[in-house]
Amino acid sequence: MILLSPTDPSIPIAWDAGSTPGTDISIRVGADVGPSAFIIRTMERTGQRMNEAGQVTGVVDDARTMAELAVREALLVMLDQTYSRDSLAIRMEEIAEEARVVDWSEWEFTQIVVDGVGFALRVRNQQPSGFVAIADLGTVVVTMRGKELPTDRRFTLHRRL
């Protein structure tokens, strides 16, 4: 298990809903759901594997697919529970299509520092207000989403067996 978290140990973190220990872990950073809270999803590179059904599985690791995943996650969490079943199916298709269209002109680069090493963090501001971000850290790929991009972007990778 590899997990990216803030370097500052005083910043609260918690497992995000739906996250399970393993090679794909999401945590909520910050207090509750305030403007400074955000989600970090750390996906360990495991290589492409073949499952029992003969399907190839693996971790998303190209920038375009990571961006699509980050946008889709951010849009899905904004769904409210007032959709009818048919309307929800239509809205989910719209979200999938919107996420598929990655326009790099809408993304900016900034730096994320992980264990003292600077990495490129690609960030997109979205409407309604918020951000999504992606980073390739070598052994893991990371997505982030929240209302405000953290100003302190110093993190550490925790490795546990």
Protein backbone atom coordinates (compact mmCIF):
# COMPACT_ATOMS: atom_id res chain seq x y z
CA MET A 1 0.00 0.00 0.00
CA ILE A 2 1.35 3.41 -0.98
CA LEU A 3 -0.44 6.55 0.15
CA LEU A 4 0.27 10.23 -0.54
CA SER A 5 -0.48 12.57 2.36
CA PRO A 6 0.55 16.07 3.50
CA THR A 7 4.00 16.39 5.05
CA ASP A 8 2.51 18.37 7.96
CA PRO A 9 1.30 15.76 10.50
CA SER A 10 -1.09 18.27 12.12
CA ILE A 11 -3.32 18.29 9.02
CA PRO A 12 -6.17 15.81 9.58
CA ILE A 13 -6.68 13.00 7.06
CA ALA A 14 -9.32 10.29 6.83
CA TRP A 15 -10.20 7.45 4.46
CA ASP A 16 -12.55 8.73 1.81
CA ALA A 17 -15.88 6.95 1.37
CA GLY A 18 -15.51 3.92 -0.85
CA SER A 19 -11.75 3.64 -0.42
CA THR A 20 -10.34 0.27 0.52
CA PRO A 21 -6.77 -0.55 1.53
CA GLY A 22 -4.75 -1.87 -1.39
CA THR A 23 -3.25 -0.34 -4.50
CA ASP A 24 -5.91 2.38 -5.05
CA ILE A 25 -6.49 4.58 -1.99
CA SER A 26 -8.43 7.82 -1.52
CA ILE A 27 -8.13 10.06 1.51
CA ARG A 28 -9.85 13.28 2.56
CA VAL A 29 -7.36 15.93 3.63
CA GLY A 30 -8.46 18.76 5.91
CA ALA A 31 -11.41 19.33 8.15
CA ASP A 32 -14.80 17.95 7.06
CA VAL A 33 -16.01 19.48 3.81
CA GLY A 34 -14.81 23.07 4.26
CA PRO A 35 -13.14 24.97 1.42
CA SER A 36 -9.69 23.75 2.39
CA ALA A 37 -10.67 20.06 2.36
CA PHE A 38 -9.70 18.02 -0.70
CA ILE A 39 -9.40 14.42 -1.85
CA ILE A 40 -6.17 12.69 -2.86
CA ARG A 41 -6.40 9.41 -4.75
CA THR A 42 -3.14 7.44 -4.92
CA MET A 43 -2.95 4.61 -7.44
CA GLU A 44 0.04 2.32 -7.25
CA ARG A 45 1.48 1.17 -10.56
CA THR A 46 1.04 -2.58 -10.59
CA GLY A 47 1.66 -3.30 -14.24
CA GLN A 48 -0.85 -4.87 -16.58
CA ARG A 49 -2.26 -8.08 -15.21
CA MET A 50 -4.56 -10.76 -16.51
CA ASN A 51 -7.50 -11.68 -14.29
CA GLU A 52 -9.27 -15.05 -14.08
CA ALA A 53 -11.79 -13.95 -16.72
CA GLY A 54 -8.97 -13.31 -19.19
CA GLN A 55 -9.31 -9.52 -19.00
CA VAL A 56 -6.29 -7.23 -18.87
CA THR A 57 -6.36 -4.89 -15.88
CA GLY A 58 -3.97 -2.22 -14.70
CA VAL A 59 -3.60 1.26 -13.30
CA VAL A 60 -4.42 4.30 -15.38
CA ASP A 61 -1.08 5.93 -16.08
CA ASP A 62 -1.24 8.11 -19.18
CA ALA A 63 -1.96 11.81 -18.61
CA ARG A 64 -5.09 11.98 -20.78
CA THR A 65 -6.77 9.03 -19.05
CA MET A 66 -5.74 10.32 -15.61
CA ALA A 67 -7.29 13.69 -16.47
CA GLU A 68 -10.50 12.00 -17.65
CA LEU A 69 -10.66 10.03 -14.40
CA ALA A 70 -10.10 13.14 -12.25
CA VAL A 71 -12.79 15.15 -14.06
CA ARG A 72 -15.26 12.24 -13.96
CA GLU A 73 -14.74 11.78 -10.19
CA ALA A 74 -15.27 15.48 -9.54
CA LEU A 75 -18.45 15.59 -11.62
CA LEU A 76 -19.91 12.41 -10.15
CA VAL A 77 -19.60 13.63 -6.56
CA MET A 78 -21.69 16.68 -7.49
CA LEU A 79 -24.68 14.55 -8.49
CA ASP A 80 -27.55 15.08 -6.14
CA GLN A 81 -30.00 12.38 -5.21
CA THR A 82 -33.05 13.96 -6.83
CA TYR A 83 -32.57 12.40 -10.26
CA SER A 84 -35.04 9.84 -11.50
CA ARG A 85 -33.49 6.58 -12.67
CA ASP A 86 -33.74 7.59 -16.35
CA SER A 87 -32.47 11.11 -15.73
CA LEU A 88 -29.58 9.75 -13.70
CA ALA A 89 -28.54 7.40 -16.51
CA ILE A 90 -28.61 10.29 -18.99
CA ARG A 91 -26.63 12.57 -16.64
CA MET A 92 -24.00 9.88 -16.06
CA GLU A 93 -23.55 9.52 -19.83
CA GLU A 94 -23.17 13.31 -20.11
CA ILE A 95 -20.54 13.25 -17.35
CA ALA A 96 -18.63 10.47 -19.07
CA GLU A 97 -18.65 12.42 -22.34
CA GLU A 98 -17.61 15.68 -20.66
CA ALA A 99 -14.75 13.89 -18.91
CA ARG A 100 -13.58 12.29 -22.19
CA VAL A 101 -12.98 15.71 -23.74
CA VAL A 102 -9.61 16.75 -22.32
CA ASP A 103 -8.56 20.19 -23.54
CA TRP A 104 -5.01 20.75 -22.31
CA SER A 105 -5.38 24.52 -22.79
CA GLU A 106 -7.65 24.44 -19.69
CA TRP A 107 -4.91 22.87 -17.56
CA GLU A 108 -1.95 24.63 -15.92
CA PHE A 109 1.24 23.26 -14.40
CA THR A 110 2.38 23.96 -10.87
CA GLN A 111 4.69 22.08 -8.55
CA ILE A 112 4.01 19.42 -5.95
CA VAL A 113 6.89 18.49 -3.63
CA VAL A 114 6.97 14.85 -2.56
CA ASP A 115 9.62 13.86 -0.03
CA GLY A 116 11.71 16.85 -1.11
CA VAL A 117 11.47 16.20 -4.87
CA GLY A 118 9.54 18.55 -7.16
CA PHE A 119 7.01 16.94 -9.51
CA ALA A 120 4.68 18.50 -12.10
CA LEU A 121 1.09 18.87 -10.92
CA ARG A 122 -1.34 19.52 -13.76
CA VAL A 123 -4.35 21.52 -12.49
CA ARG A 124 -7.72 22.41 -14.01
CA ASN A 125 -10.11 24.85 -12.38
CA GLN A 126 -13.73 23.84 -12.96
CA GLN A 127 -17.21 25.19 -12.57
CA PRO A 128 -18.93 25.12 -10.20
CA SER A 129 -15.92 26.35 -8.29
CA GLY A 130 -13.29 23.78 -7.58
CA PHE A 131 -10.24 22.10 -9.03
CA VAL A 132 -8.98 18.76 -10.26
CA ALA A 133 -5.32 17.85 -10.54
CA ILE A 134 -3.14 14.97 -11.69
CA ALA A 135 0.49 14.01 -11.11
CA ASP A 136 2.74 11.16 -12.19
CA LEU A 137 5.11 10.37 -9.31
CA GLY A 138 6.80 7.35 -10.90
CA THR A 139 5.70 4.47 -8.68
CA VAL A 140 2.22 5.96 -8.28
CA VAL A 141 -0.14 8.28 -10.12
CA VAL A 142 -2.29 10.75 -8.21
CA THR A 143 -5.55 12.61 -8.73
CA MET A 144 -6.78 15.42 -6.48
CA ARG A 145 -10.07 17.28 -6.31
CA GLY A 146 -11.61 19.88 -4.05
CA LYS A 147 -12.84 23.44 -3.74
CA GLU A 148 -9.42 25.10 -3.41
CA LEU A 149 -5.98 23.92 -4.49
CA PRO A 150 -3.90 23.68 -1.31
CA THR A 151 -1.27 26.39 -0.99
CA ASP A 152 1.05 24.03 0.89
CA ARG A 153 1.76 21.36 -1.68
CA ARG A 154 4.38 19.42 0.29
CA PHE A 155 3.55 15.74 0.60
CA THR A 156 5.08 12.44 1.57
CA LEU A 157 4.58 8.90 0.27
CA HIS A 158 3.86 6.34 2.97
CA ARG A 159 4.71 2.77 2.04
CA ARG A 160 3.16 -0.01 4.08
CA LEU A 161 2.93 -3.71 3.36
